[in-house]
N, C-alpha and C. Protein backbone atom coordinates (compact mmCIF):
# COMPACT_ATOMS: atom_id res chain seq x y z
N MET A 1 -11.47 33.23 84.53
CA MET A 1 -11.81 32.45 85.69
C MET A 1 -13.10 31.66 85.42
N SER A 2 -13.10 30.44 85.82
CA SER A 2 -14.24 29.57 85.57
C SER A 2 -14.77 29.01 86.85
N VAL A 3 -16.06 28.99 87.02
CA VAL A 3 -16.70 28.48 88.21
C VAL A 3 -17.31 27.15 87.88
N ASP A 4 -16.96 26.11 88.64
CA ASP A 4 -17.52 24.78 88.43
C ASP A 4 -18.55 24.48 89.53
N GLN A 5 -19.13 23.33 89.46
CA GLN A 5 -20.21 22.97 90.40
C GLN A 5 -19.67 22.86 91.85
N ASN A 6 -18.43 22.44 92.02
CA ASN A 6 -17.87 22.34 93.35
C ASN A 6 -17.70 23.73 93.93
N THR A 7 -17.31 24.71 93.12
CA THR A 7 -17.15 26.08 93.58
C THR A 7 -18.52 26.66 93.96
N VAL A 8 -19.54 26.40 93.17
CA VAL A 8 -20.91 26.85 93.49
C VAL A 8 -21.36 26.26 94.82
N ARG A 9 -21.10 25.00 95.00
CA ARG A 9 -21.46 24.32 96.23
C ARG A 9 -20.75 24.97 97.42
N HIS A 10 -19.47 25.30 97.26
CA HIS A 10 -18.67 25.93 98.32
C HIS A 10 -19.19 27.31 98.62
N ILE A 11 -19.51 28.11 97.56
CA ILE A 11 -20.03 29.46 97.77
C ILE A 11 -21.38 29.38 98.49
N ALA A 12 -22.22 28.43 98.09
CA ALA A 12 -23.53 28.29 98.75
C ALA A 12 -23.36 27.95 100.20
N ARG A 13 -22.40 27.09 100.52
CA ARG A 13 -22.22 26.72 101.91
C ARG A 13 -21.73 27.92 102.71
N LEU A 14 -20.79 28.71 102.14
CA LEU A 14 -20.30 29.89 102.84
C LEU A 14 -21.42 30.91 103.05
N ALA A 15 -22.32 31.04 102.07
CA ALA A 15 -23.42 31.99 102.16
C ALA A 15 -24.62 31.40 102.93
N ARG A 16 -24.47 30.14 103.37
CA ARG A 16 -25.54 29.43 104.07
C ARG A 16 -26.83 29.46 103.28
N ILE A 17 -26.69 29.11 101.98
CA ILE A 17 -27.83 29.02 101.08
C ILE A 17 -28.01 27.56 100.65
N ALA A 18 -29.19 27.06 100.79
CA ALA A 18 -29.47 25.68 100.37
C ALA A 18 -29.62 25.63 98.87
N VAL A 19 -28.76 24.81 98.20
CA VAL A 19 -28.81 24.69 96.75
C VAL A 19 -28.90 23.19 96.45
N ARG A 20 -29.94 22.86 95.65
CA ARG A 20 -30.11 21.44 95.26
C ARG A 20 -29.07 21.09 94.19
N ASP A 21 -28.71 19.84 94.08
CA ASP A 21 -27.73 19.40 93.08
C ASP A 21 -28.17 19.70 91.65
N ASP A 22 -29.48 19.63 91.36
CA ASP A 22 -29.91 19.94 90.01
C ASP A 22 -29.84 21.41 89.65
N GLU A 23 -29.58 22.29 90.63
CA GLU A 23 -29.42 23.72 90.38
C GLU A 23 -27.98 24.13 90.17
N LEU A 24 -27.04 23.24 90.49
CA LEU A 24 -25.63 23.62 90.48
C LEU A 24 -25.12 24.03 89.11
N GLU A 25 -25.49 23.28 88.07
CA GLU A 25 -24.99 23.56 86.74
C GLU A 25 -25.52 24.92 86.27
N HIS A 26 -26.79 25.20 86.48
CA HIS A 26 -27.39 26.46 86.04
C HIS A 26 -26.75 27.63 86.81
N LEU A 27 -26.52 27.48 88.08
CA LEU A 27 -25.87 28.56 88.87
C LEU A 27 -24.42 28.77 88.45
N ALA A 28 -23.73 27.70 88.11
CA ALA A 28 -22.36 27.84 87.62
C ALA A 28 -22.33 28.61 86.33
N LYS A 29 -23.26 28.34 85.40
CA LYS A 29 -23.31 29.12 84.14
C LYS A 29 -23.60 30.58 84.40
N GLU A 30 -24.53 30.85 85.31
CA GLU A 30 -24.85 32.26 85.65
C GLU A 30 -23.66 32.98 86.23
N LEU A 31 -22.98 32.32 87.17
CA LEU A 31 -21.82 32.97 87.80
C LEU A 31 -20.70 33.19 86.77
N ASN A 32 -20.53 32.25 85.87
CA ASN A 32 -19.51 32.45 84.82
C ASN A 32 -19.87 33.59 83.90
N SER A 33 -21.16 33.76 83.60
CA SER A 33 -21.53 34.90 82.75
C SER A 33 -21.36 36.21 83.49
N ILE A 34 -21.59 36.26 84.75
CA ILE A 34 -21.38 37.46 85.55
C ILE A 34 -19.88 37.79 85.59
N LEU A 35 -19.05 36.78 85.80
CA LEU A 35 -17.60 36.99 85.86
C LEU A 35 -17.08 37.46 84.49
N ASP A 36 -17.62 36.95 83.41
CA ASP A 36 -17.25 37.37 82.06
C ASP A 36 -17.60 38.85 81.84
N TRP A 37 -18.78 39.24 82.34
CA TRP A 37 -19.18 40.62 82.23
C TRP A 37 -18.25 41.56 83.02
N VAL A 38 -17.87 41.14 84.22
CA VAL A 38 -16.93 41.94 85.03
C VAL A 38 -15.59 42.05 84.34
N GLU A 39 -15.13 40.96 83.69
CA GLU A 39 -13.87 41.05 82.95
C GLU A 39 -13.97 42.03 81.80
N GLN A 40 -15.11 42.10 81.13
CA GLN A 40 -15.31 43.03 80.08
C GLN A 40 -15.23 44.50 80.61
N LEU A 41 -15.73 44.72 81.78
CA LEU A 41 -15.64 46.04 82.39
C LEU A 41 -14.19 46.44 82.66
N GLY A 42 -13.35 45.45 82.96
CA GLY A 42 -11.93 45.70 83.19
C GLY A 42 -11.18 46.15 81.92
N GLU A 43 -11.74 45.85 80.77
CA GLU A 43 -11.09 46.23 79.53
C GLU A 43 -11.33 47.71 79.13
N LEU A 44 -12.30 48.35 79.82
CA LEU A 44 -12.59 49.74 79.51
C LEU A 44 -11.48 50.67 79.96
N ASP A 45 -11.21 51.71 79.18
CA ASP A 45 -10.22 52.72 79.52
C ASP A 45 -10.90 53.74 80.41
N THR A 46 -10.56 53.77 81.67
CA THR A 46 -11.13 54.70 82.64
C THR A 46 -10.08 55.75 83.10
N SER A 47 -9.02 55.88 82.36
CA SER A 47 -7.97 56.81 82.80
C SER A 47 -8.43 58.25 82.85
N ASP A 48 -9.40 58.66 82.03
CA ASP A 48 -9.89 60.01 82.00
C ASP A 48 -11.12 60.24 82.86
N VAL A 49 -11.55 59.21 83.58
CA VAL A 49 -12.74 59.29 84.38
C VAL A 49 -12.32 59.63 85.84
N GLU A 50 -12.88 60.71 86.34
CA GLU A 50 -12.56 61.11 87.72
C GLU A 50 -13.32 60.23 88.72
N PRO A 51 -12.67 59.89 89.82
CA PRO A 51 -13.36 59.13 90.88
C PRO A 51 -14.54 59.91 91.42
N MET A 52 -15.59 59.24 91.76
CA MET A 52 -16.78 59.92 92.29
C MET A 52 -17.44 59.10 93.37
N THR A 53 -18.19 59.74 94.20
CA THR A 53 -18.90 59.03 95.26
C THR A 53 -20.41 58.91 94.96
N SER A 54 -20.85 59.63 93.96
CA SER A 54 -22.27 59.60 93.59
C SER A 54 -22.42 59.96 92.12
N ALA A 55 -23.50 59.47 91.52
CA ALA A 55 -23.74 59.80 90.13
C ALA A 55 -24.24 61.23 89.98
N VAL A 56 -24.74 61.81 91.05
CA VAL A 56 -25.25 63.19 91.05
C VAL A 56 -24.37 64.02 92.00
N GLU A 57 -23.84 65.14 91.51
CA GLU A 57 -22.97 65.95 92.33
C GLU A 57 -23.82 66.64 93.40
N THR A 58 -23.47 66.44 94.64
CA THR A 58 -24.17 67.06 95.74
C THR A 58 -23.18 67.64 96.74
N THR A 59 -23.63 68.59 97.51
CA THR A 59 -22.79 69.16 98.56
C THR A 59 -23.55 69.05 99.85
N MET A 60 -22.85 68.83 100.93
CA MET A 60 -23.48 68.71 102.23
C MET A 60 -23.90 70.10 102.73
N LYS A 61 -25.08 70.17 103.27
CA LYS A 61 -25.54 71.42 103.86
C LYS A 61 -24.82 71.59 105.22
N MET A 62 -24.26 72.74 105.38
CA MET A 62 -23.52 73.05 106.64
C MET A 62 -24.53 73.65 107.64
N ARG A 63 -24.27 73.33 108.87
CA ARG A 63 -25.08 73.91 109.97
C ARG A 63 -24.13 74.22 111.14
N GLU A 64 -24.61 75.01 112.02
CA GLU A 64 -23.80 75.35 113.21
C GLU A 64 -23.72 74.09 114.08
N ASP A 65 -22.56 73.88 114.66
CA ASP A 65 -22.34 72.74 115.57
C ASP A 65 -22.65 73.24 116.98
N GLU A 66 -23.86 72.95 117.43
CA GLU A 66 -24.26 73.41 118.74
C GLU A 66 -24.98 72.30 119.48
N VAL A 67 -24.86 72.30 120.77
CA VAL A 67 -25.51 71.31 121.65
C VAL A 67 -26.95 71.72 121.78
N THR A 68 -27.87 70.78 121.42
CA THR A 68 -29.29 71.11 121.55
C THR A 68 -29.87 70.53 122.83
N VAL A 69 -29.40 69.37 123.24
CA VAL A 69 -29.86 68.78 124.49
C VAL A 69 -28.61 68.16 125.10
N GLY A 70 -28.43 68.38 126.38
CA GLY A 70 -27.24 67.82 127.02
C GLY A 70 -27.55 67.31 128.41
N ASN A 71 -26.51 66.73 129.01
CA ASN A 71 -26.56 66.21 130.38
C ASN A 71 -27.73 65.27 130.58
N LEU A 72 -27.76 64.19 129.76
CA LEU A 72 -28.85 63.22 129.82
C LEU A 72 -28.37 61.89 130.33
N GLN A 73 -27.32 61.84 131.11
CA GLN A 73 -26.81 60.58 131.56
C GLN A 73 -27.83 59.73 132.29
N ASP A 74 -28.60 60.36 133.13
CA ASP A 74 -29.62 59.58 133.90
C ASP A 74 -30.67 58.98 132.98
N GLU A 75 -31.13 59.74 132.01
CA GLU A 75 -32.14 59.22 131.07
C GLU A 75 -31.58 58.13 130.16
N VAL A 76 -30.31 58.28 129.74
CA VAL A 76 -29.68 57.31 128.84
C VAL A 76 -29.45 55.99 129.56
N THR A 77 -29.00 56.05 130.77
CA THR A 77 -28.66 54.79 131.51
C THR A 77 -29.85 54.25 132.32
N ARG A 78 -31.00 54.87 132.23
CA ARG A 78 -32.14 54.42 133.02
C ARG A 78 -32.53 52.98 132.71
N ASN A 79 -32.51 52.57 131.47
CA ASN A 79 -32.94 51.24 131.07
C ASN A 79 -31.82 50.21 131.08
N ALA A 80 -30.61 50.62 131.45
CA ALA A 80 -29.49 49.67 131.51
C ALA A 80 -29.70 48.70 132.62
N PRO A 81 -29.27 47.42 132.42
CA PRO A 81 -29.34 46.46 133.48
C PRO A 81 -28.55 46.87 134.73
N ALA A 82 -27.43 47.55 134.44
CA ALA A 82 -26.59 48.00 135.55
C ALA A 82 -25.83 49.23 135.12
N SER A 83 -25.79 50.24 136.01
CA SER A 83 -25.03 51.46 135.71
C SER A 83 -24.39 51.97 136.97
N GLU A 84 -23.35 52.74 136.77
CA GLU A 84 -22.61 53.30 137.94
C GLU A 84 -22.00 54.62 137.50
N ASP A 85 -22.27 55.66 138.26
CA ASP A 85 -21.73 57.00 138.00
C ASP A 85 -22.05 57.49 136.57
N GLY A 86 -23.22 57.15 136.05
CA GLY A 86 -23.61 57.61 134.74
C GLY A 86 -23.06 56.77 133.60
N PHE A 87 -22.42 55.66 133.87
CA PHE A 87 -21.87 54.77 132.83
C PHE A 87 -22.51 53.39 132.91
N TYR A 88 -22.50 52.70 131.78
CA TYR A 88 -23.00 51.33 131.73
C TYR A 88 -22.02 50.42 132.41
N VAL A 89 -22.51 49.47 133.18
CA VAL A 89 -21.65 48.46 133.79
C VAL A 89 -21.82 47.17 132.93
N VAL A 90 -20.74 46.67 132.40
CA VAL A 90 -20.77 45.48 131.56
C VAL A 90 -19.85 44.40 132.15
N PRO A 91 -20.16 43.15 131.87
CA PRO A 91 -19.30 42.08 132.41
C PRO A 91 -17.92 42.12 131.76
N LYS A 92 -16.93 41.73 132.53
CA LYS A 92 -15.56 41.67 132.03
C LYS A 92 -15.46 40.52 131.06
N VAL A 93 -14.89 40.77 129.85
CA VAL A 93 -14.82 39.75 128.83
C VAL A 93 -13.37 39.39 128.53
N VAL A 94 -12.44 40.16 128.97
CA VAL A 94 -10.99 39.90 128.71
C VAL A 94 -10.31 39.76 130.05
N GLU A 95 -9.56 38.70 130.26
CA GLU A 95 -8.84 38.53 131.50
C GLU A 95 -7.37 38.68 131.31
């Protein structure tokens, strides 16, 4: 895959990044080198590599599932612009 100056301009517009015309060629070269590097990663044999979520094996600490504070509807809805029966009142957005 090759990135040209028009593609860089399009990506910059989508990302809402201001890019001057004299920067386009340099950015296209950088993006092409990044894409080449990603293609090299695709050539690696990863069939014996197990999927992982972290580089360091960790386990979650378990704790008892217990309610520490409850029945706070009045405190939670106190700062709401409008509330009714302990719930937030919001404007209808779908008709």
